[in-house]
Amino acid sequence: ELLEELGEPSDTLRKRIMEQKDIKV
């Protein structure tokens, strides 16, 4: 959501973010 305020995140970036499971990261 924050990145969408800056533009259109790529599908690859969205996927990478959603796949991240480490809460600290």
PDBML (XML) file of the C-alpha atoms, coordinates in Angstrom:
<?xml version="1.0" encoding="UTF-8" ?>
<PDBx:datablock datablockName="MODEL"
   xmlns:PDBx="http://pdbml.pdb.org/schema/pdbx-v50.xsd"
   xmlns:xsi="http://www.w3.org/2001/XMLSchema-instance"
   xsi:schemaLocation="http://pdbml.pdb.org/schema/pdbx-v50.xsd pdbx-v50.xsd">
   <PDBx:atom_siteCategory>
      <PDBx:atom_site id="1">
         <PDBx:B_iso_or_equiv>0.00</PDBx:B_iso_or_equiv>
         <PDBx:Cartn_x>0.000</PDBx:Cartn_x>
         <PDBx:Cartn_y>0.000</PDBx:Cartn_y>
         <PDBx:Cartn_z>0.000</PDBx:Cartn_z>
         <PDBx:auth_asym_id>A</PDBx:auth_asym_id>
         <PDBx:auth_atom_id>CA</PDBx:auth_atom_id>
         <PDBx:auth_comp_id>GLU</PDBx:auth_comp_id>
         <PDBx:auth_seq_id>1</PDBx:auth_seq_id>
         <PDBx:group_PDB>ATOM</PDBx:group_PDB>
         <PDBx:label_alt_id xsi:nil="true" />
         <PDBx:label_asym_id>A</PDBx:label_asym_id>
         <PDBx:label_atom_id>CA</PDBx:label_atom_id>
         <PDBx:label_comp_id>GLU</PDBx:label_comp_id>
         <PDBx:label_entity_id>1</PDBx:label_entity_id>
         <PDBx:label_seq_id>1</PDBx:label_seq_id>
         <PDBx:occupancy>1.00</PDBx:occupancy>
         <PDBx:pdbx_PDB_model_num>1</PDBx:pdbx_PDB_model_num>
         <PDBx:type_symbol>C</PDBx:type_symbol>
      </PDBx:atom_site>
      <PDBx:atom_site id="2">
         <PDBx:B_iso_or_equiv>0.00</PDBx:B_iso_or_equiv>
         <PDBx:Cartn_x>2.828</PDBx:Cartn_x>
         <PDBx:Cartn_y>2.444</PDBx:Cartn_y>
         <PDBx:Cartn_z>0.820</PDBx:Cartn_z>
         <PDBx:auth_asym_id>A</PDBx:auth_asym_id>
         <PDBx:auth_atom_id>CA</PDBx:auth_atom_id>
         <PDBx:auth_comp_id>LEU</PDBx:auth_comp_id>
         <PDBx:auth_seq_id>2</PDBx:auth_seq_id>
         <PDBx:group_PDB>ATOM</PDBx:group_PDB>
         <PDBx:label_alt_id xsi:nil="true" />
         <PDBx:label_asym_id>A</PDBx:label_asym_id>
         <PDBx:label_atom_id>CA</PDBx:label_atom_id>
         <PDBx:label_comp_id>LEU</PDBx:label_comp_id>
         <PDBx:label_entity_id>1</PDBx:label_entity_id>
         <PDBx:label_seq_id>2</PDBx:label_seq_id>
         <PDBx:occupancy>1.00</PDBx:occupancy>
         <PDBx:pdbx_PDB_model_num>1</PDBx:pdbx_PDB_model_num>
         <PDBx:type_symbol>C</PDBx:type_symbol>
      </PDBx:atom_site>
      <PDBx:atom_site id="3">
         <PDBx:B_iso_or_equiv>0.00</PDBx:B_iso_or_equiv>
         <PDBx:Cartn_x>4.608</PDBx:Cartn_x>
         <PDBx:Cartn_y>1.546</PDBx:Cartn_y>
         <PDBx:Cartn_z>-2.417</PDBx:Cartn_z>
         <PDBx:auth_asym_id>A</PDBx:auth_asym_id>
         <PDBx:auth_atom_id>CA</PDBx:auth_atom_id>
         <PDBx:auth_comp_id>LEU</PDBx:auth_comp_id>
         <PDBx:auth_seq_id>3</PDBx:auth_seq_id>
         <PDBx:group_PDB>ATOM</PDBx:group_PDB>
         <PDBx:label_alt_id xsi:nil="true" />
         <PDBx:label_asym_id>A</PDBx:label_asym_id>
         <PDBx:label_atom_id>CA</PDBx:label_atom_id>
         <PDBx:label_comp_id>LEU</PDBx:label_comp_id>
         <PDBx:label_entity_id>1</PDBx:label_entity_id>
         <PDBx:label_seq_id>3</PDBx:label_seq_id>
         <PDBx:occupancy>1.00</PDBx:occupancy>
         <PDBx:pdbx_PDB_model_num>1</PDBx:pdbx_PDB_model_num>
         <PDBx:type_symbol>C</PDBx:type_symbol>
      </PDBx:atom_site>
      <PDBx:atom_site id="4">
         <PDBx:B_iso_or_equiv>0.00</PDBx:B_iso_or_equiv>
         <PDBx:Cartn_x>1.390</PDBx:Cartn_x>
         <PDBx:Cartn_y>2.095</PDBx:Cartn_y>
         <PDBx:Cartn_z>-4.409</PDBx:Cartn_z>
         <PDBx:auth_asym_id>A</PDBx:auth_asym_id>
         <PDBx:auth_atom_id>CA</PDBx:auth_atom_id>
         <PDBx:auth_comp_id>GLU</PDBx:auth_comp_id>
         <PDBx:auth_seq_id>4</PDBx:auth_seq_id>
         <PDBx:group_PDB>ATOM</PDBx:group_PDB>
         <PDBx:label_alt_id xsi:nil="true" />
         <PDBx:label_asym_id>A</PDBx:label_asym_id>
         <PDBx:label_atom_id>CA</PDBx:label_atom_id>
         <PDBx:label_comp_id>GLU</PDBx:label_comp_id>
         <PDBx:label_entity_id>1</PDBx:label_entity_id>
         <PDBx:label_seq_id>4</PDBx:label_seq_id>
         <PDBx:occupancy>1.00</PDBx:occupancy>
         <PDBx:pdbx_PDB_model_num>1</PDBx:pdbx_PDB_model_num>
         <PDBx:type_symbol>C</PDBx:type_symbol>
      </PDBx:atom_site>
      <PDBx:atom_site id="5">
         <PDBx:B_iso_or_equiv>0.00</PDBx:B_iso_or_equiv>
         <PDBx:Cartn_x>1.472</PDBx:Cartn_x>
         <PDBx:Cartn_y>5.707</PDBx:Cartn_y>
         <PDBx:Cartn_z>-3.246</PDBx:Cartn_z>
         <PDBx:auth_asym_id>A</PDBx:auth_asym_id>
         <PDBx:auth_atom_id>CA</PDBx:auth_atom_id>
         <PDBx:auth_comp_id>GLU</PDBx:auth_comp_id>
         <PDBx:auth_seq_id>5</PDBx:auth_seq_id>
         <PDBx:group_PDB>ATOM</PDBx:group_PDB>
         <PDBx:label_alt_id xsi:nil="true" />
         <PDBx:label_asym_id>A</PDBx:label_asym_id>
         <PDBx:label_atom_id>CA</PDBx:label_atom_id>
         <PDBx:label_comp_id>GLU</PDBx:label_comp_id>
         <PDBx:label_entity_id>1</PDBx:label_entity_id>
         <PDBx:label_seq_id>5</PDBx:label_seq_id>
         <PDBx:occupancy>1.00</PDBx:occupancy>
         <PDBx:pdbx_PDB_model_num>1</PDBx:pdbx_PDB_model_num>
         <PDBx:type_symbol>C</PDBx:type_symbol>
      </PDBx:atom_site>
      <PDBx:atom_site id="6">
         <PDBx:B_iso_or_equiv>0.00</PDBx:B_iso_or_equiv>
         <PDBx:Cartn_x>4.813</PDBx:Cartn_x>
         <PDBx:Cartn_y>5.961</PDBx:Cartn_y>
         <PDBx:Cartn_z>-5.078</PDBx:Cartn_z>
         <PDBx:auth_asym_id>A</PDBx:auth_asym_id>
         <PDBx:auth_atom_id>CA</PDBx:auth_atom_id>
         <PDBx:auth_comp_id>LEU</PDBx:auth_comp_id>
         <PDBx:auth_seq_id>6</PDBx:auth_seq_id>
         <PDBx:group_PDB>ATOM</PDBx:group_PDB>
         <PDBx:label_alt_id xsi:nil="true" />
         <PDBx:label_asym_id>A</PDBx:label_asym_id>
         <PDBx:label_atom_id>CA</PDBx:label_atom_id>
         <PDBx:label_comp_id>LEU</PDBx:label_comp_id>
         <PDBx:label_entity_id>1</PDBx:label_entity_id>
         <PDBx:label_seq_id>6</PDBx:label_seq_id>
         <PDBx:occupancy>1.00</PDBx:occupancy>
         <PDBx:pdbx_PDB_model_num>1</PDBx:pdbx_PDB_model_num>
         <PDBx:type_symbol>C</PDBx:type_symbol>
      </PDBx:atom_site>
      <PDBx:atom_site id="7">
         <PDBx:B_iso_or_equiv>0.00</PDBx:B_iso_or_equiv>
         <PDBx:Cartn_x>3.699</PDBx:Cartn_x>
         <PDBx:Cartn_y>4.232</PDBx:Cartn_y>
         <PDBx:Cartn_z>-8.277</PDBx:Cartn_z>
         <PDBx:auth_asym_id>A</PDBx:auth_asym_id>
         <PDBx:auth_atom_id>CA</PDBx:auth_atom_id>
         <PDBx:auth_comp_id>GLY</PDBx:auth_comp_id>
         <PDBx:auth_seq_id>7</PDBx:auth_seq_id>
         <PDBx:group_PDB>ATOM</PDBx:group_PDB>
         <PDBx:label_alt_id xsi:nil="true" />
         <PDBx:label_asym_id>A</PDBx:label_asym_id>
         <PDBx:label_atom_id>CA</PDBx:label_atom_id>
         <PDBx:label_comp_id>GLY</PDBx:label_comp_id>
         <PDBx:label_entity_id>1</PDBx:label_entity_id>
         <PDBx:label_seq_id>7</PDBx:label_seq_id>
         <PDBx:occupancy>1.00</PDBx:occupancy>
         <PDBx:pdbx_PDB_model_num>1</PDBx:pdbx_PDB_model_num>
         <PDBx:type_symbol>C</PDBx:type_symbol>
      </PDBx:atom_site>
      <PDBx:atom_site id="8">
         <PDBx:B_iso_or_equiv>0.00</PDBx:B_iso_or_equiv>
         <PDBx:Cartn_x>2.774</PDBx:Cartn_x>
         <PDBx:Cartn_y>0.754</PDBx:Cartn_y>
         <PDBx:Cartn_z>-9.497</PDBx:Cartn_z>
         <PDBx:auth_asym_id>A</PDBx:auth_asym_id>
         <PDBx:auth_atom_id>CA</PDBx:auth_atom_id>
         <PDBx:auth_comp_id>GLU</PDBx:auth_comp_id>
         <PDBx:auth_seq_id>8</PDBx:auth_seq_id>
         <PDBx:group_PDB>ATOM</PDBx:group_PDB>
         <PDBx:label_alt_id xsi:nil="true" />
         <PDBx:label_asym_id>A</PDBx:label_asym_id>
         <PDBx:label_atom_id>CA</PDBx:label_atom_id>
         <PDBx:label_comp_id>GLU</PDBx:label_comp_id>
         <PDBx:label_entity_id>1</PDBx:label_entity_id>
         <PDBx:label_seq_id>8</PDBx:label_seq_id>
         <PDBx:occupancy>1.00</PDBx:occupancy>
         <PDBx:pdbx_PDB_model_num>1</PDBx:pdbx_PDB_model_num>
         <PDBx:type_symbol>C</PDBx:type_symbol>
      </PDBx:atom_site>
      <PDBx:atom_site id="9">
         <PDBx:B_iso_or_equiv>0.00</PDBx:B_iso_or_equiv>
         <PDBx:Cartn_x>4.848</PDBx:Cartn_x>
         <PDBx:Cartn_y>-2.028</PDBx:Cartn_y>
         <PDBx:Cartn_z>-7.896</PDBx:Cartn_z>
         <PDBx:auth_asym_id>A</PDBx:auth_asym_id>
         <PDBx:auth_atom_id>CA</PDBx:auth_atom_id>
         <PDBx:auth_comp_id>PRO</PDBx:auth_comp_id>
         <PDBx:auth_seq_id>9</PDBx:auth_seq_id>
         <PDBx:group_PDB>ATOM</PDBx:group_PDB>
         <PDBx:label_alt_id xsi:nil="true" />
         <PDBx:label_asym_id>A</PDBx:label_asym_id>
         <PDBx:label_atom_id>CA</PDBx:label_atom_id>
         <PDBx:label_comp_id>PRO</PDBx:label_comp_id>
         <PDBx:label_entity_id>1</PDBx:label_entity_id>
         <PDBx:label_seq_id>9</PDBx:label_seq_id>
         <PDBx:occupancy>1.00</PDBx:occupancy>
         <PDBx:pdbx_PDB_model_num>1</PDBx:pdbx_PDB_model_num>
         <PDBx:type_symbol>C</PDBx:type_symbol>
      </PDBx:atom_site>
      <PDBx:atom_site id="10">
         <PDBx:B_iso_or_equiv>0.00</PDBx:B_iso_or_equiv>
         <PDBx:Cartn_x>5.630</PDBx:Cartn_x>
         <PDBx:Cartn_y>-4.833</PDBx:Cartn_y>
         <PDBx:Cartn_z>-10.330</PDBx:Cartn_z>
         <PDBx:auth_asym_id>A</PDBx:auth_asym_id>
         <PDBx:auth_atom_id>CA</PDBx:auth_atom_id>
         <PDBx:auth_comp_id>SER</PDBx:auth_comp_id>
         <PDBx:auth_seq_id>10</PDBx:auth_seq_id>
         <PDBx:group_PDB>ATOM</PDBx:group_PDB>
         <PDBx:label_alt_id xsi:nil="true" />
         <PDBx:label_asym_id>A</PDBx:label_asym_id>
         <PDBx:label_atom_id>CA</PDBx:label_atom_id>
         <PDBx:label_comp_id>SER</PDBx:label_comp_id>
         <PDBx:label_entity_id>1</PDBx:label_entity_id>
         <PDBx:label_seq_id>10</PDBx:label_seq_id>
         <PDBx:occupancy>1.00</PDBx:occupancy>
         <PDBx:pdbx_PDB_model_num>1</PDBx:pdbx_PDB_model_num>
         <PDBx:type_symbol>C</PDBx:type_symbol>
      </PDBx:atom_site>
      <PDBx:atom_site id="11">
         <PDBx:B_iso_or_equiv>0.00</PDBx:B_iso_or_equiv>
         <PDBx:Cartn_x>3.897</PDBx:Cartn_x>
         <PDBx:Cartn_y>-8.189</PDBx:Cartn_y>
         <PDBx:Cartn_z>-9.953</PDBx:Cartn_z>
         <PDBx:auth_asym_id>A</PDBx:auth_asym_id>
         <PDBx:auth_atom_id>CA</PDBx:auth_atom_id>
         <PDBx:auth_comp_id>ASP</PDBx:auth_comp_id>
         <PDBx:auth_seq_id>11</PDBx:auth_seq_id>
         <PDBx:group_PDB>ATOM</PDBx:group_PDB>
         <PDBx:label_alt_id xsi:nil="true" />
         <PDBx:label_asym_id>A</PDBx:label_asym_id>
         <PDBx:label_atom_id>CA</PDBx:label_atom_id>
         <PDBx:label_comp_id>ASP</PDBx:label_comp_id>
         <PDBx:label_entity_id>1</PDBx:label_entity_id>
         <PDBx:label_seq_id>11</PDBx:label_seq_id>
         <PDBx:occupancy>1.00</PDBx:occupancy>
         <PDBx:pdbx_PDB_model_num>1</PDBx:pdbx_PDB_model_num>
         <PDBx:type_symbol>C</PDBx:type_symbol>
      </PDBx:atom_site>
      <PDBx:atom_site id="12">
         <PDBx:B_iso_or_equiv>0.00</PDBx:B_iso_or_equiv>
         <PDBx:Cartn_x>7.274</PDBx:Cartn_x>
         <PDBx:Cartn_y>-9.713</PDBx:Cartn_y>
         <PDBx:Cartn_z>-9.124</PDBx:Cartn_z>
         <PDBx:auth_asym_id>A</PDBx:auth_asym_id>
         <PDBx:auth_atom_id>CA</PDBx:auth_atom_id>
         <PDBx:auth_comp_id>THR</PDBx:auth_comp_id>
         <PDBx:auth_seq_id>12</PDBx:auth_seq_id>
         <PDBx:group_PDB>ATOM</PDBx:group_PDB>
         <PDBx:label_alt_id xsi:nil="true" />
         <PDBx:label_asym_id>A</PDBx:label_asym_id>
         <PDBx:label_atom_id>CA</PDBx:label_atom_id>
         <PDBx:label_comp_id>THR</PDBx:label_comp_id>
         <PDBx:label_entity_id>1</PDBx:label_entity_id>
         <PDBx:label_seq_id>12</PDBx:label_seq_id>
         <PDBx:occupancy>1.00</PDBx:occupancy>
         <PDBx:pdbx_PDB_model_num>1</PDBx:pdbx_PDB_model_num>
         <PDBx:type_symbol>C</PDBx:type_symbol>
      </PDBx:atom_site>
      <PDBx:atom_site id="13">
         <PDBx:B_iso_or_equiv>0.00</PDBx:B_iso_or_equiv>
         <PDBx:Cartn_x>7.851</PDBx:Cartn_x>
         <PDBx:Cartn_y>-7.199</PDBx:Cartn_y>
         <PDBx:Cartn_z>-6.322</PDBx:Cartn_z>
         <PDBx:auth_asym_id>A</PDBx:auth_asym_id>
         <PDBx:auth_atom_id>CA</PDBx:auth_atom_id>
         <PDBx:auth_comp_id>LEU</PDBx:auth_comp_id>
         <PDBx:auth_seq_id>13</PDBx:auth_seq_id>
         <PDBx:group_PDB>ATOM</PDBx:group_PDB>
         <PDBx:label_alt_id xsi:nil="true" />
         <PDBx:label_asym_id>A</PDBx:label_asym_id>
         <PDBx:label_atom_id>CA</PDBx:label_atom_id>
         <PDBx:label_comp_id>LEU</PDBx:label_comp_id>
         <PDBx:label_entity_id>1</PDBx:label_entity_id>
         <PDBx:label_seq_id>13</PDBx:label_seq_id>
         <PDBx:occupancy>1.00</PDBx:occupancy>
         <PDBx:pdbx_PDB_model_num>1</PDBx:pdbx_PDB_model_num>
         <PDBx:type_symbol>C</PDBx:type_symbol>
      </PDBx:atom_site>
      <PDBx:atom_site id="14">
         <PDBx:B_iso_or_equiv>0.00</PDBx:B_iso_or_equiv>
         <PDBx:Cartn_x>4.335</PDBx:Cartn_x>
         <PDBx:Cartn_y>-7.732</PDBx:Cartn_y>
         <PDBx:Cartn_z>-4.952</PDBx:Cartn_z>
         <PDBx:auth_asym_id>A</PDBx:auth_asym_id>
         <PDBx:auth_atom_id>CA</PDBx:auth_atom_id>
         <PDBx:auth_comp_id>ARG</PDBx:auth_comp_id>
         <PDBx:auth_seq_id>14</PDBx:auth_seq_id>
         <PDBx:group_PDB>ATOM</PDBx:group_PDB>
         <PDBx:label_alt_id xsi:nil="true" />
         <PDBx:label_asym_id>A</PDBx:label_asym_id>
         <PDBx:label_atom_id>CA</PDBx:label_atom_id>
         <PDBx:label_comp_id>ARG</PDBx:label_comp_id>
         <PDBx:label_entity_id>1</PDBx:label_entity_id>
         <PDBx:label_seq_id>14</PDBx:label_seq_id>
         <PDBx:occupancy>1.00</PDBx:occupancy>
         <PDBx:pdbx_PDB_model_num>1</PDBx:pdbx_PDB_model_num>
         <PDBx:type_symbol>C</PDBx:type_symbol>
      </PDBx:atom_site>
      <PDBx:atom_site id="15">
         <PDBx:B_iso_or_equiv>0.00</PDBx:B_iso_or_equiv>
         <PDBx:Cartn_x>4.854</PDBx:Cartn_x>
         <PDBx:Cartn_y>-11.472</PDBx:Cartn_y>
         <PDBx:Cartn_z>-5.007</PDBx:Cartn_z>
         <PDBx:auth_asym_id>A</PDBx:auth_asym_id>
         <PDBx:auth_atom_id>CA</PDBx:auth_atom_id>
         <PDBx:auth_comp_id>LYS</PDBx:auth_comp_id>
         <PDBx:auth_seq_id>15</PDBx:auth_seq_id>
         <PDBx:group_PDB>ATOM</PDBx:group_PDB>
         <PDBx:label_alt_id xsi:nil="true" />
         <PDBx:label_asym_id>A</PDBx:label_asym_id>
         <PDBx:label_atom_id>CA</PDBx:label_atom_id>
         <PDBx:label_comp_id>LYS</PDBx:label_comp_id>
         <PDBx:label_entity_id>1</PDBx:label_entity_id>
         <PDBx:label_seq_id>15</PDBx:label_seq_id>
         <PDBx:occupancy>1.00</PDBx:occupancy>
         <PDBx:pdbx_PDB_model_num>1</PDBx:pdbx_PDB_model_num>
         <PDBx:type_symbol>C</PDBx:type_symbol>
      </PDBx:atom_site>
      <PDBx:atom_site id="16">
         <PDBx:B_iso_or_equiv>0.00</PDBx:B_iso_or_equiv>
         <PDBx:Cartn_x>8.236</PDBx:Cartn_x>
         <PDBx:Cartn_y>-11.214</PDBx:Cartn_y>
         <PDBx:Cartn_z>-3.282</PDBx:Cartn_z>
         <PDBx:auth_asym_id>A</PDBx:auth_asym_id>
         <PDBx:auth_atom_id>CA</PDBx:auth_atom_id>
         <PDBx:auth_comp_id>ARG</PDBx:auth_comp_id>
         <PDBx:auth_seq_id>16</PDBx:auth_seq_id>
         <PDBx:group_PDB>ATOM</PDBx:group_PDB>
         <PDBx:label_alt_id xsi:nil="true" />
         <PDBx:label_asym_id>A</PDBx:label_asym_id>
         <PDBx:label_atom_id>CA</PDBx:label_atom_id>
         <PDBx:label_comp_id>ARG</PDBx:label_comp_id>
         <PDBx:label_entity_id>1</PDBx:label_entity_id>
         <PDBx:label_seq_id>16</PDBx:label_seq_id>
         <PDBx:occupancy>1.00</PDBx:occupancy>
         <PDBx:pdbx_PDB_model_num>1</PDBx:pdbx_PDB_model_num>
         <PDBx:type_symbol>C</PDBx:type_symbol>
      </PDBx:atom_site>
      <PDBx:atom_site id="17">
         <PDBx:B_iso_or_equiv>0.00</PDBx:B_iso_or_equiv>
         <PDBx:Cartn_x>6.781</PDBx:Cartn_x>
         <PDBx:Cartn_y>-9.050</PDBx:Cartn_y>
         <PDBx:Cartn_z>-0.531</PDBx:Cartn_z>
         <PDBx:auth_asym_id>A</PDBx:auth_asym_id>
         <PDBx:auth_atom_id>CA</PDBx:auth_atom_id>
         <PDBx:auth_comp_id>ILE</PDBx:auth_comp_id>
         <PDBx:auth_seq_id>17</PDBx:auth_seq_id>
         <PDBx:group_PDB>ATOM</PDBx:group_PDB>
         <PDBx:label_alt_id xsi:nil="true" />
         <PDBx:label_asym_id>A</PDBx:label_asym_id>
         <PDBx:label_atom_id>CA</PDBx:label_atom_id>
         <PDBx:label_comp_id>ILE</PDBx:label_comp_id>
         <PDBx:label_entity_id>1</PDBx:label_entity_id>
         <PDBx:label_seq_id>17</PDBx:label_seq_id>
         <PDBx:occupancy>1.00</PDBx:occupancy>
         <PDBx:pdbx_PDB_model_num>1</PDBx:pdbx_PDB_model_num>
         <PDBx:type_symbol>C</PDBx:type_symbol>
      </PDBx:atom_site>
      <PDBx:atom_site id="18">
         <PDBx:B_iso_or_equiv>0.00</PDBx:B_iso_or_equiv>
         <PDBx:Cartn_x>3.784</PDBx:Cartn_x>
         <PDBx:Cartn_y>-11.358</PDBx:Cartn_y>
         <PDBx:Cartn_z>0.012</PDBx:Cartn_z>
         <PDBx:auth_asym_id>A</PDBx:auth_asym_id>
         <PDBx:auth_atom_id>CA</PDBx:auth_atom_id>
         <PDBx:auth_comp_id>MET</PDBx:auth_comp_id>
         <PDBx:auth_seq_id>18</PDBx:auth_seq_id>
         <PDBx:group_PDB>ATOM</PDBx:group_PDB>
         <PDBx:label_alt_id xsi:nil="true" />
         <PDBx:label_asym_id>A</PDBx:label_asym_id>
         <PDBx:label_atom_id>CA</PDBx:label_atom_id>
         <PDBx:label_comp_id>MET</PDBx:label_comp_id>
         <PDBx:label_entity_id>1</PDBx:label_entity_id>
         <PDBx:label_seq_id>18</PDBx:label_seq_id>
         <PDBx:occupancy>1.00</PDBx:occupancy>
         <PDBx:pdbx_PDB_model_num>1</PDBx:pdbx_PDB_model_num>
         <PDBx:type_symbol>C</PDBx:type_symbol>
      </PDBx:atom_site>
      <PDBx:atom_site id="19">
         <PDBx:B_iso_or_equiv>0.00</PDBx:B_iso_or_equiv>
         <PDBx:Cartn_x>6.053</PDBx:Cartn_x>
         <PDBx:Cartn_y>-14.436</PDBx:Cartn_y>
         <PDBx:Cartn_z>0.103</PDBx:Cartn_z>
         <PDBx:auth_asym_id>A</PDBx:auth_asym_id>
         <PDBx:auth_atom_id>CA</PDBx:auth_atom_id>
         <PDBx:auth_comp_id>GLU</PDBx:auth_comp_id>
         <PDBx:auth_seq_id>19</PDBx:auth_seq_id>
         <PDBx:group_PDB>ATOM</PDBx:group_PDB>
         <PDBx:label_alt_id xsi:nil="true" />
         <PDBx:label_asym_id>A</PDBx:label_asym_id>
         <PDBx:label_atom_id>CA</PDBx:label_atom_id>
         <PDBx:label_comp_id>GLU</PDBx:label_comp_id>
         <PDBx:label_entity_id>1</PDBx:label_entity_id>
         <PDBx:label_seq_id>19</PDBx:label_seq_id>
         <PDBx:occupancy>1.00</PDBx:occupancy>
         <PDBx:pdbx_PDB_model_num>1</PDBx:pdbx_PDB_model_num>
         <PDBx:type_symbol>C</PDBx:type_symbol>
      </PDBx:atom_site>
      <PDBx:atom_site id="20">
         <PDBx:B_iso_or_equiv>0.00</PDBx:B_iso_or_equiv>
         <PDBx:Cartn_x>8.238</PDBx:Cartn_x>
         <PDBx:Cartn_y>-12.975</PDBx:Cartn_y>
         <PDBx:Cartn_z>2.866</PDBx:Cartn_z>
         <PDBx:auth_asym_id>A</PDBx:auth_asym_id>
         <PDBx:auth_atom_id>CA</PDBx:auth_atom_id>
         <PDBx:auth_comp_id>GLN</PDBx:auth_comp_id>
         <PDBx:auth_seq_id>20</PDBx:auth_seq_id>
         <PDBx:group_PDB>ATOM</PDBx:group_PDB>
         <PDBx:label_alt_id xsi:nil="true" />
         <PDBx:label_asym_id>A</PDBx:label_asym_id>
         <PDBx:label_atom_id>CA</PDBx:label_atom_id>
         <PDBx:label_comp_id>GLN</PDBx:label_comp_id>
         <PDBx:label_entity_id>1</PDBx:label_entity_id>
         <PDBx:label_seq_id>20</PDBx:label_seq_id>
         <PDBx:occupancy>1.00</PDBx:occupancy>
         <PDBx:pdbx_PDB_model_num>1</PDBx:pdbx_PDB_model_num>
         <PDBx:type_symbol>C</PDBx:type_symbol>
      </PDBx:atom_site>
      <PDBx:atom_site id="21">
         <PDBx:B_iso_or_equiv>0.00</PDBx:B_iso_or_equiv>
         <PDBx:Cartn_x>7.338</PDBx:Cartn_x>
         <PDBx:Cartn_y>-14.671</PDBx:Cartn_y>
         <PDBx:Cartn_z>6.159</PDBx:Cartn_z>
         <PDBx:auth_asym_id>A</PDBx:auth_asym_id>
         <PDBx:auth_atom_id>CA</PDBx:auth_atom_id>
         <PDBx:auth_comp_id>LYS</PDBx:auth_comp_id>
         <PDBx:auth_seq_id>21</PDBx:auth_seq_id>
         <PDBx:group_PDB>ATOM</PDBx:group_PDB>
         <PDBx:label_alt_id xsi:nil="true" />
         <PDBx:label_asym_id>A</PDBx:label_asym_id>
         <PDBx:label_atom_id>CA</PDBx:label_atom_id>
         <PDBx:label_comp_id>LYS</PDBx:label_comp_id>
         <PDBx:label_entity_id>1</PDBx:label_entity_id>
         <PDBx:label_seq_id>21</PDBx:label_seq_id>
         <PDBx:occupancy>1.00</PDBx:occupancy>
         <PDBx:pdbx_PDB_model_num>1</PDBx:pdbx_PDB_model_num>
         <PDBx:type_symbol>C</PDBx:type_symbol>
      </PDBx:atom_site>
      <PDBx:atom_site id="22">
         <PDBx:B_iso_or_equiv>0.00</PDBx:B_iso_or_equiv>
         <PDBx:Cartn_x>9.964</PDBx:Cartn_x>
         <PDBx:Cartn_y>-13.172</PDBx:Cartn_y>
         <PDBx:Cartn_z>8.480</PDBx:Cartn_z>
         <PDBx:auth_asym_id>A</PDBx:auth_asym_id>
         <PDBx:auth_atom_id>CA</PDBx:auth_atom_id>
         <PDBx:auth_comp_id>ASP</PDBx:auth_comp_id>
         <PDBx:auth_seq_id>22</PDBx:auth_seq_id>
         <PDBx:group_PDB>ATOM</PDBx:group_PDB>
         <PDBx:label_alt_id xsi:nil="true" />
         <PDBx:label_asym_id>A</PDBx:label_asym_id>
         <PDBx:label_atom_id>CA</PDBx:label_atom_id>
         <PDBx:label_comp_id>ASP</PDBx:label_comp_id>
         <PDBx:label_entity_id>1</PDBx:label_entity_id>
         <PDBx:label_seq_id>22</PDBx:label_seq_id>
         <PDBx:occupancy>1.00</PDBx:occupancy>
         <PDBx:pdbx_PDB_model_num>1</PDBx:pdbx_PDB_model_num>
         <PDBx:type_symbol>C</PDBx:type_symbol>
      </PDBx:atom_site>
      <PDBx:atom_site id="23">
         <PDBx:B_iso_or_equiv>0.00</PDBx:B_iso_or_equiv>
         <PDBx:Cartn_x>8.186</PDBx:Cartn_x>
         <PDBx:Cartn_y>-10.525</PDBx:Cartn_y>
         <PDBx:Cartn_z>10.560</PDBx:Cartn_z>
         <PDBx:auth_asym_id>A</PDBx:auth_asym_id>
         <PDBx:auth_atom_id>CA</PDBx:auth_atom_id>
         <PDBx:auth_comp_id>ILE</PDBx:auth_comp_id>
         <PDBx:auth_seq_id>23</PDBx:auth_seq_id>
         <PDBx:group_PDB>ATOM</PDBx:group_PDB>
         <PDBx:label_alt_id xsi:nil="true" />
         <PDBx:label_asym_id>A</PDBx:label_asym_id>
         <PDBx:label_atom_id>CA</PDBx:label_atom_id>
         <PDBx:label_comp_id>ILE</PDBx:label_comp_id>
         <PDBx:label_entity_id>1</PDBx:label_entity_id>
         <PDBx:label_seq_id>23</PDBx:label_seq_id>
         <PDBx:occupancy>1.00</PDBx:occupancy>
         <PDBx:pdbx_PDB_model_num>1</PDBx:pdbx_PDB_model_num>
         <PDBx:type_symbol>C</PDBx:type_symbol>
      </PDBx:atom_site>
      <PDBx:atom_site id="24">
         <PDBx:B_iso_or_equiv>0.00</PDBx:B_iso_or_equiv>
         <PDBx:Cartn_x>11.465</PDBx:Cartn_x>
         <PDBx:Cartn_y>-8.710</PDBx:Cartn_y>
         <PDBx:Cartn_z>11.336</PDBx:Cartn_z>
         <PDBx:auth_asym_id>A</PDBx:auth_asym_id>
         <PDBx:auth_atom_id>CA</PDBx:auth_atom_id>
         <PDBx:auth_comp_id>LYS</PDBx:auth_comp_id>
         <PDBx:auth_seq_id>24</PDBx:auth_seq_id>
         <PDBx:group_PDB>ATOM</PDBx:group_PDB>
         <PDBx:label_alt_id xsi:nil="true" />
         <PDBx:label_asym_id>A</PDBx:label_asym_id>
         <PDBx:label_atom_id>CA</PDBx:label_atom_id>
         <PDBx:label_comp_id>LYS</PDBx:label_comp_id>
         <PDBx:label_entity_id>1</PDBx:label_entity_id>
         <PDBx:label_seq_id>24</PDBx:label_seq_id>
         <PDBx:occupancy>1.00</PDBx:occupancy>
         <PDBx:pdbx_PDB_model_num>1</PDBx:pdbx_PDB_model_num>
         <PDBx:type_symbol>C</PDBx:type_symbol>
      </PDBx:atom_site>
      <PDBx:atom_site id="25">
         <PDBx:B_iso_or_equiv>0.00</PDBx:B_iso_or_equiv>
         <PDBx:Cartn_x>12.311</PDBx:Cartn_x>
         <PDBx:Cartn_y>-8.415</PDBx:Cartn_y>
         <PDBx:Cartn_z>7.641</PDBx:Cartn_z>
         <PDBx:auth_asym_id>A</PDBx:auth_asym_id>
         <PDBx:auth_atom_id>CA</PDBx:auth_atom_id>
         <PDBx:auth_comp_id>VAL</PDBx:auth_comp_id>
         <PDBx:auth_seq_id>25</PDBx:auth_seq_id>
         <PDBx:group_PDB>ATOM</PDBx:group_PDB>
         <PDBx:label_alt_id xsi:nil="true" />
         <PDBx:label_asym_id>A</PDBx:label_asym_id>
         <PDBx:label_atom_id>CA</PDBx:label_atom_id>
         <PDBx:label_comp_id>VAL</PDBx:label_comp_id>
         <PDBx:label_entity_id>1</PDBx:label_entity_id>
         <PDBx:label_seq_id>25</PDBx:label_seq_id>
         <PDBx:occupancy>1.00</PDBx:occupancy>
         <PDBx:pdbx_PDB_model_num>1</PDBx:pdbx_PDB_model_num>
         <PDBx:type_symbol>C</PDBx:type_symbol>
      </PDBx:atom_site>
   </PDBx:atom_siteCategory>
</PDBx:datablock>
